[in-house]
Amino acid sequence: MPYFIFRAYDEPATSAEIRARVRPAHRDYIRQEHHGVRAVAGGMVVDDRGEAANGTMLVLEAPDRGAVLRYLEGDPYWHAGLFARFEVDRWEWGLGTPP
């Protein structure tokens, strides 16, 4: 099954508040398969000092881009308006071993 990279950039004015409030629900969501999509790796993107989150990166195993978008639309972060913008790209695993 193909892999996709999801890279999102936070809405700066509300990022800290939304992350603090919604993170537990988001973490529960991404640990379950939805729409045939499974998160295999991911985490917060942070500033160079590692002190402030400014985005999210996920590696998703999915049948196609449509399934990825349906999966993302179910994420509590998405519903809360955390992301100012995002990118989804199909990705060929080239280094390391997929889980």
C-alpha atoms as a PDB file:
ATOM      1  CA  MET A   1       0.000   0.000   0.000  1.00  0.00           C
ATOM      2  CA  PRO A   2       1.331   3.491  -0.799  1.00  0.00           C
ATOM      3  CA  TYR A   3       2.625   5.986   1.734  1.00  0.00           C
ATOM      4  CA  PHE A   4       1.769   9.670   1.941  1.00  0.00           C
ATOM      5  CA  ILE A   5       3.373  12.563   3.798  1.00  0.00           C
ATOM      6  CA  PHE A   6       1.080  15.056   5.496  1.00  0.00           C
ATOM      7  CA  ARG A   7       2.792  18.334   6.433  1.00  0.00           C
ATOM      8  CA  ALA A   8       0.694  21.011   8.100  1.00  0.00           C
ATOM      9  CA  TYR A   9       1.593  24.503   9.225  1.00  0.00           C
ATOM     10  CA  ASP A  10      -0.173  25.847  12.314  1.00  0.00           C
ATOM     11  CA  GLU A  11      -2.320  28.938  12.485  1.00  0.00           C
ATOM     12  CA  PRO A  12       0.176  31.012  14.546  1.00  0.00           C
ATOM     13  CA  ALA A  13      -2.289  33.065  16.588  1.00  0.00           C
ATOM     14  CA  THR A  14      -4.177  30.056  17.981  1.00  0.00           C
ATOM     15  CA  SER A  15      -1.714  27.161  17.783  1.00  0.00           C
ATOM     16  CA  ALA A  16      -0.714  26.859  21.442  1.00  0.00           C
ATOM     17  CA  GLU A  17      -4.288  27.051  22.757  1.00  0.00           C
ATOM     18  CA  ILE A  18      -5.659  24.552  20.241  1.00  0.00           C
ATOM     19  CA  ARG A  19      -2.821  22.068  20.762  1.00  0.00           C
ATOM     20  CA  ALA A  20      -3.238  22.199  24.552  1.00  0.00           C
ATOM     21  CA  ARG A  21      -6.997  21.670  24.353  1.00  0.00           C
ATOM     22  CA  VAL A  22      -7.257  19.110  21.531  1.00  0.00           C
ATOM     23  CA  ARG A  23      -4.027  17.089  21.721  1.00  0.00           C
ATOM     24  CA  PRO A  24      -5.432  14.122  23.720  1.00  0.00           C
ATOM     25  CA  ALA A  25      -8.268  13.600  21.213  1.00  0.00           C
ATOM     26  CA  HIS A  26      -5.860  14.017  18.275  1.00  0.00           C
ATOM     27  CA  ARG A  27      -3.450  11.449  19.729  1.00  0.00           C
ATOM     28  CA  ASP A  28      -6.284   8.958  20.243  1.00  0.00           C
ATOM     29  CA  TYR A  29      -7.476   9.511  16.679  1.00  0.00           C
ATOM     30  CA  ILE A  30      -4.132   8.986  14.950  1.00  0.00           C
ATOM     31  CA  ARG A  31      -3.516   5.750  16.842  1.00  0.00           C
ATOM     32  CA  GLN A  32      -6.501   4.139  15.141  1.00  0.00           C
ATOM     33  CA  GLU A  33      -7.100   3.207  11.519  1.00  0.00           C
ATOM     34  CA  HIS A  34      -9.764   5.266   9.746  1.00  0.00           C
ATOM     35  CA  HIS A  35     -10.910   5.075   6.099  1.00  0.00           C
ATOM     36  CA  GLY A  36      -8.246   2.418   5.454  1.00  0.00           C
ATOM     37  CA  VAL A  37      -5.509   4.841   6.549  1.00  0.00           C
ATOM     38  CA  ARG A  38      -2.916   4.123   9.219  1.00  0.00           C
ATOM     39  CA  ALA A  39      -0.428   6.606  10.679  1.00  0.00           C
ATOM     40  CA  VAL A  40       2.987   4.924  10.782  1.00  0.00           C
ATOM     41  CA  ALA A  41       5.117   7.847  11.992  1.00  0.00           C
ATOM     42  CA  GLY A  42       4.677  11.464  12.921  1.00  0.00           C
ATOM     43  CA  GLY A  43       4.995  14.252  15.384  1.00  0.00           C
ATOM     44  CA  MET A  44       5.057  17.975  15.987  1.00  0.00           C
ATOM     45  CA  VAL A  45       7.278  20.232  13.945  1.00  0.00           C
ATOM     46  CA  VAL A  46       9.001  22.631  16.338  1.00  0.00           C
ATOM     47  CA  ASP A  47      11.163  25.738  16.211  1.00  0.00           C
ATOM     48  CA  ASP A  48      14.962  25.398  16.184  1.00  0.00           C
ATOM     49  CA  ARG A  49      15.127  25.574  19.989  1.00  0.00           C
ATOM     50  CA  GLY A  50      12.525  22.818  20.323  1.00  0.00           C
ATOM     51  CA  GLU A  51      10.345  25.072  22.439  1.00  0.00           C
ATOM     52  CA  ALA A  52       7.316  25.879  20.305  1.00  0.00           C
ATOM     53  CA  ALA A  53       5.292  23.727  17.936  1.00  0.00           C
ATOM     54  CA  ASN A  54       4.550  25.255  14.566  1.00  0.00           C
ATOM     55  CA  GLY A  55       3.247  22.306  12.599  1.00  0.00           C
ATOM     56  CA  THR A  56       2.595  18.600  12.220  1.00  0.00           C
ATOM     57  CA  MET A  57       4.126  15.868  10.064  1.00  0.00           C
ATOM     58  CA  LEU A  58       2.626  12.414   9.552  1.00  0.00           C
ATOM     59  CA  VAL A  59       3.594   9.445   7.403  1.00  0.00           C
ATOM     60  CA  LEU A  60       0.380   7.709   6.423  1.00  0.00           C
ATOM     61  CA  GLU A  61      -0.162   4.330   4.799  1.00  0.00           C
ATOM     62  CA  ALA A  62      -3.271   4.632   2.631  1.00  0.00           C
ATOM     63  CA  PRO A  63      -4.911   3.186  -0.463  1.00  0.00           C
ATOM     64  CA  ASP A  64      -5.064   6.605  -2.185  1.00  0.00           C
ATOM     65  CA  ARG A  65      -5.064  10.399  -1.723  1.00  0.00           C
ATOM     66  CA  GLY A  66      -8.855  10.501  -1.297  1.00  0.00           C
ATOM     67  CA  ALA A  67      -8.651   8.189   1.700  1.00  0.00           C
ATOM     68  CA  VAL A  68      -5.901  10.393   3.182  1.00  0.00           C
ATOM     69  CA  LEU A  69      -8.090  13.488   2.847  1.00  0.00           C
ATOM     70  CA  ARG A  70     -11.067  11.732   4.459  1.00  0.00           C
ATOM     71  CA  TYR A  71      -8.781  10.595   7.286  1.00  0.00           C
ATOM     72  CA  LEU A  72      -7.458  14.114   7.830  1.00  0.00           C
ATOM     73  CA  GLU A  73     -10.967  15.585   7.867  1.00  0.00           C
ATOM     74  CA  GLY A  74     -11.724  13.351  10.872  1.00  0.00           C
ATOM     75  CA  ASP A  75      -8.705  14.524  12.885  1.00  0.00           C
ATOM     76  CA  PRO A  76      -9.688  16.666  15.896  1.00  0.00           C
ATOM     77  CA  TYR A  77      -6.875  19.111  15.037  1.00  0.00           C
ATOM     78  CA  TRP A  78      -8.502  19.624  11.629  1.00  0.00           C
ATOM     79  CA  HIS A  79     -11.920  20.270  13.207  1.00  0.00           C
ATOM     80  CA  ALA A  80     -10.427  22.715  15.720  1.00  0.00           C
ATOM     81  CA  GLY A  81      -8.843  24.839  12.981  1.00  0.00           C
ATOM     82  CA  LEU A  82      -5.214  24.255  13.982  1.00  0.00           C
ATOM     83  CA  PHE A  83      -3.811  24.290  10.462  1.00  0.00           C
ATOM     84  CA  ALA A  84      -3.288  27.431   8.377  1.00  0.00           C
ATOM     85  CA  ARG A  85      -2.214  25.340   5.383  1.00  0.00           C
ATOM     86  CA  PHE A  86      -1.169  21.791   4.554  1.00  0.00           C
ATOM     87  CA  GLU A  87       0.413  19.570   1.913  1.00  0.00           C
ATOM     88  CA  VAL A  88      -0.175  15.921   1.058  1.00  0.00           C
ATOM     89  CA  ASP A  89       2.333  14.107  -1.143  1.00  0.00           C
ATOM     90  CA  ARG A  90       2.714  10.479  -2.131  1.00  0.00           C
ATOM     91  CA  TRP A  91       6.022   9.228  -0.776  1.00  0.00           C
ATOM     92  CA  GLU A  92       8.283   6.324  -1.722  1.00  0.00           C
ATOM     93  CA  TRP A  93       9.951   4.868   1.379  1.00  0.00           C
ATOM     94  CA  GLY A  94      13.677   4.794   0.581  1.00  0.00           C
ATOM     95  CA  LEU A  95      15.658   4.627   3.818  1.00  0.00           C
ATOM     96  CA  GLY A  96      14.958   2.478   6.831  1.00  0.00           C
ATOM     97  CA  THR A  97      12.242  -0.106   7.115  1.00  0.00           C
ATOM     98  CA  PRO A  98       8.516   0.637   7.136  1.00  0.00           C
ATOM     99  CA  PRO A  99       6.878  -0.564  10.353  1.00  0.00           C
END
